[in-house]
Amino acid sequence: MTRFIIFSGLFTSLGISQIDIFDSFLRFIHQDSGIRMNINFHQTQFGESYTEAGTFYYLQDGYYIYDSQKQRIIVNGDTITTINKHAKQIIYDLSIPGNVNIFDILTGNMDGIKREPAILEKSGYRILFTVPGWELSGVLRLNSGLGQPTNLELSAGDGQNIRIQILSSGKLSENSIPDYETTHFDVIDLRE
């Protein structure tokens, strides 16, 4: 009888902690002041690899910025603004409803995503997820303390994957998003 109570308590506490782990991630990401993450972005597709270091700024639900030496991507609601710094070009586009974006996942937006319970490992927590209908799978890794993300991977199989390694993260301070001058850039507007 005592063993049953101990095991029952253990499974109950594990179930509660798994829910709290993802909630702690959401609380970390959705701080009132916003979040800044220094990241390494790595993509492999069709035998080609692409690696880039940048900064990810989460400002509020549906509004974030990814900034690197080559580009700045601003997502604000359903509008996506891509600034190609080398080509001196700005492209405005609309997001496609139901489309899965790795940066949306990094903000905790799990709409249309099936998430598994968190698994405790030596280095923190691992949350596996799949995107039904898209044949995508992934893993979100969190530290074991405050729910800070440390790594996010998304795979489409056949050697096609995206990996984000979070090097550092913290609250967004006032004026921490650098201005970028685009006065003489060509503008392409694909919104219709």
Protein backbone atom coordinates (compact mmCIF):
# COMPACT_ATOMS: atom_id res chain seq x y z
CA MET A 1 0.00 0.00 0.00
CA THR A 2 2.82 2.41 0.87
CA ARG A 3 4.58 1.73 -2.46
CA PHE A 4 1.36 2.51 -4.35
CA ILE A 5 1.04 5.89 -2.60
CA ILE A 6 4.70 6.74 -3.27
CA PHE A 7 4.46 5.76 -6.95
CA SER A 8 1.11 7.50 -7.31
CA GLY A 9 2.58 10.69 -5.79
CA LEU A 10 5.64 10.41 -8.04
CA PHE A 11 3.57 10.11 -11.22
CA THR A 12 1.27 12.93 -10.12
CA SER A 13 4.21 15.25 -9.44
CA LEU A 14 5.81 14.30 -12.78
CA GLY A 15 2.55 15.08 -14.58
CA ILE A 16 2.25 18.46 -12.87
CA SER A 17 5.89 19.34 -13.51
CA GLN A 18 5.54 18.54 -17.22
CA ILE A 19 2.72 21.04 -17.54
CA ASP A 20 4.67 23.62 -15.52
CA ILE A 21 7.76 23.21 -17.71
CA PHE A 22 6.04 24.46 -20.86
CA ASP A 23 4.22 27.12 -18.84
CA SER A 24 7.56 28.33 -17.43
CA PHE A 25 8.85 28.56 -21.03
CA LEU A 26 5.81 30.66 -21.98
CA ARG A 27 6.28 32.92 -18.93
CA PHE A 28 9.95 33.42 -19.84
CA ILE A 29 9.20 34.27 -23.48
CA HIS A 30 6.16 36.47 -22.80
CA GLN A 31 7.73 38.88 -20.32
CA ASP A 32 6.19 42.36 -20.40
CA SER A 33 9.42 44.02 -21.50
CA GLY A 34 10.01 41.52 -24.31
CA ILE A 35 12.93 39.13 -24.84
CA ARG A 36 16.23 39.26 -26.70
CA MET A 37 18.04 36.08 -27.78
CA ASN A 38 21.43 35.80 -29.43
CA ILE A 39 21.16 32.78 -31.70
CA ASN A 40 22.93 30.63 -34.25
CA PHE A 41 20.60 29.65 -37.08
CA HIS A 42 21.51 26.57 -39.15
CA GLN A 43 19.49 25.20 -42.08
CA THR A 44 20.18 22.13 -44.21
CA GLN A 45 18.10 21.60 -47.34
CA PHE A 46 18.71 19.67 -50.57
CA GLY A 47 22.33 18.97 -49.61
CA GLU A 48 23.11 22.64 -48.99
CA SER A 49 23.85 24.12 -45.57
CA TYR A 50 23.34 27.67 -44.41
CA THR A 51 24.53 29.07 -41.07
CA GLU A 52 23.98 32.55 -39.69
CA ALA A 53 24.34 34.28 -36.34
CA GLY A 54 21.74 36.83 -35.35
CA THR A 55 19.52 38.29 -32.69
CA PHE A 56 15.89 37.39 -32.12
CA TYR A 57 13.64 40.00 -30.46
CA TYR A 58 10.25 38.97 -29.15
CA LEU A 59 8.17 42.09 -28.47
CA GLN A 60 4.64 40.76 -27.99
CA ASP A 61 2.25 38.13 -29.25
CA GLY A 62 2.50 38.04 -33.06
CA TYR A 63 5.28 40.65 -33.21
CA TYR A 64 8.96 39.70 -33.40
CA ILE A 65 12.16 40.57 -35.26
CA TYR A 66 15.08 38.45 -36.43
CA ASP A 67 18.15 40.54 -37.24
CA SER A 68 21.46 39.37 -38.71
CA GLN A 69 24.28 40.86 -40.71
CA LYS A 70 22.54 39.95 -44.00
CA GLN A 71 18.87 40.47 -43.27
CA ARG A 72 16.16 41.66 -40.92
CA ILE A 73 12.82 39.86 -40.79
CA ILE A 74 9.94 41.60 -39.02
CA VAL A 75 6.74 39.69 -38.34
CA ASN A 76 3.89 41.87 -37.14
CA GLY A 77 0.56 40.09 -37.21
CA ASP A 78 0.05 38.70 -40.70
CA THR A 79 2.60 41.06 -42.33
CA ILE A 80 6.15 39.86 -42.94
CA THR A 81 8.77 42.48 -43.81
CA THR A 82 12.10 41.17 -45.07
CA ILE A 83 14.98 43.61 -45.36
CA ASN A 84 17.85 42.29 -47.47
CA LYS A 85 20.75 44.43 -46.30
CA HIS A 86 23.15 43.43 -49.09
CA ALA A 87 20.71 43.81 -52.00
CA LYS A 88 19.24 46.98 -50.40
CA GLN A 89 15.74 45.66 -50.82
CA ILE A 90 12.59 45.54 -48.68
CA ILE A 91 9.93 42.92 -49.38
CA TYR A 92 6.46 43.13 -47.81
CA ASP A 93 4.42 39.94 -47.81
CA LEU A 94 1.54 38.31 -45.98
CA SER A 95 1.90 35.14 -43.94
CA ILE A 96 0.09 32.06 -45.19
CA PRO A 97 -2.55 30.85 -42.72
CA GLY A 98 -1.62 27.46 -41.27
CA ASN A 99 2.03 27.81 -42.31
CA VAL A 100 4.57 26.63 -39.72
CA ASN A 101 7.42 29.02 -38.95
CA ILE A 102 10.28 28.03 -36.63
CA PHE A 103 10.32 31.52 -35.11
CA ASP A 104 6.61 31.20 -34.25
CA ILE A 105 7.45 27.98 -32.41
CA LEU A 106 10.27 29.78 -30.59
CA THR A 107 7.70 32.30 -29.31
CA GLY A 108 5.56 29.49 -27.89
CA ASN A 109 2.92 29.57 -30.63
CA MET A 110 1.98 25.91 -30.88
CA ASP A 111 -1.18 26.30 -32.97
CA GLY A 112 -1.64 23.16 -35.05
CA ILE A 113 1.29 21.45 -33.32
CA LYS A 114 1.05 18.28 -31.26
CA ARG A 115 3.34 18.55 -28.24
CA GLU A 116 4.55 15.61 -26.14
CA PRO A 117 5.12 15.84 -22.37
CA ALA A 118 8.48 17.25 -21.27
CA ILE A 119 11.30 14.77 -20.62
CA LEU A 120 13.93 15.59 -18.00
CA GLU A 121 17.53 15.03 -19.14
CA LYS A 122 20.91 15.92 -17.66
CA SER A 123 21.10 19.25 -19.48
CA GLY A 124 17.46 20.28 -18.96
CA TYR A 125 14.11 19.42 -20.49
CA ARG A 126 13.29 18.11 -23.96
CA ILE A 127 9.85 18.58 -25.52
CA LEU A 128 9.16 16.61 -28.70
CA PHE A 129 6.51 17.86 -31.12
CA THR A 130 5.03 17.04 -34.52
CA VAL A 131 3.13 19.08 -37.07
CA PRO A 132 0.34 16.81 -38.35
CA GLY A 133 -0.28 17.09 -42.07
CA TRP A 134 3.13 18.65 -42.76
CA GLU A 135 5.31 15.63 -41.92
CA LEU A 136 7.41 17.82 -39.64
CA SER A 137 8.83 16.88 -36.28
CA GLY A 138 10.95 18.75 -33.83
CA VAL A 139 12.39 19.17 -30.39
CA LEU A 140 12.47 22.14 -28.05
CA ARG A 141 15.10 22.06 -25.31
CA LEU A 142 14.77 24.16 -22.16
CA ASN A 143 17.06 24.69 -19.21
CA SER A 144 15.81 23.16 -16.00
CA GLY A 145 15.50 26.48 -14.16
CA LEU A 146 13.44 29.33 -15.60
CA GLY A 147 12.20 27.69 -18.80
CA GLN A 148 14.74 29.46 -20.99
CA PRO A 149 15.02 27.81 -24.40
CA THR A 150 18.47 26.52 -25.31
CA ASN A 151 17.83 24.79 -28.64
CA LEU A 152 15.04 24.33 -31.18
CA GLU A 153 15.11 21.85 -34.06
CA LEU A 154 12.62 21.27 -36.86
CA SER A 155 12.98 18.40 -39.32
CA ALA A 156 11.16 17.57 -42.55
CA GLY A 157 13.11 14.32 -43.10
CA ASP A 158 15.47 13.55 -45.99
CA GLY A 159 18.21 15.75 -44.51
CA GLN A 160 16.02 18.84 -44.38
CA ASN A 161 16.18 20.56 -41.02
CA ILE A 162 16.46 23.86 -39.23
CA ARG A 163 18.27 24.26 -35.94
CA ILE A 164 18.38 27.30 -33.68
CA GLN A 165 20.88 27.35 -30.85
CA ILE A 166 20.18 30.02 -28.25
CA LEU A 167 23.53 31.35 -27.04
CA SER A 168 22.13 33.84 -24.53
CA SER A 169 18.78 35.35 -23.65
CA GLY A 170 17.30 37.96 -21.37
CA LYS A 171 14.85 40.79 -20.97
CA LEU A 172 14.64 43.33 -23.74
CA SER A 173 15.90 46.71 -22.59
CA GLU A 174 14.73 50.06 -23.91
CA ASN A 175 16.36 50.99 -27.24
CA SER A 176 18.04 47.59 -27.56
CA ILE A 177 16.73 47.01 -31.10
CA PRO A 178 19.13 48.87 -33.38
CA ASP A 179 17.69 51.17 -36.03
CA TYR A 180 18.49 50.30 -39.61
CA GLU A 181 18.41 52.96 -42.31
CA THR A 182 16.41 51.85 -45.37
CA THR A 183 15.68 55.21 -47.05
CA HIS A 184 17.24 54.32 -50.43
CA PHE A 185 16.16 50.66 -50.55
CA ASP A 186 14.02 49.23 -53.35
CA VAL A 187 10.56 48.20 -52.13
CA ILE A 188 8.65 45.17 -53.37
CA ASP A 189 5.12 44.78 -52.02
CA LEU A 190 3.66 41.30 -52.51
CA ARG A 191 0.59 41.92 -50.34
CA GLU A 192 -2.67 41.74 -52.24
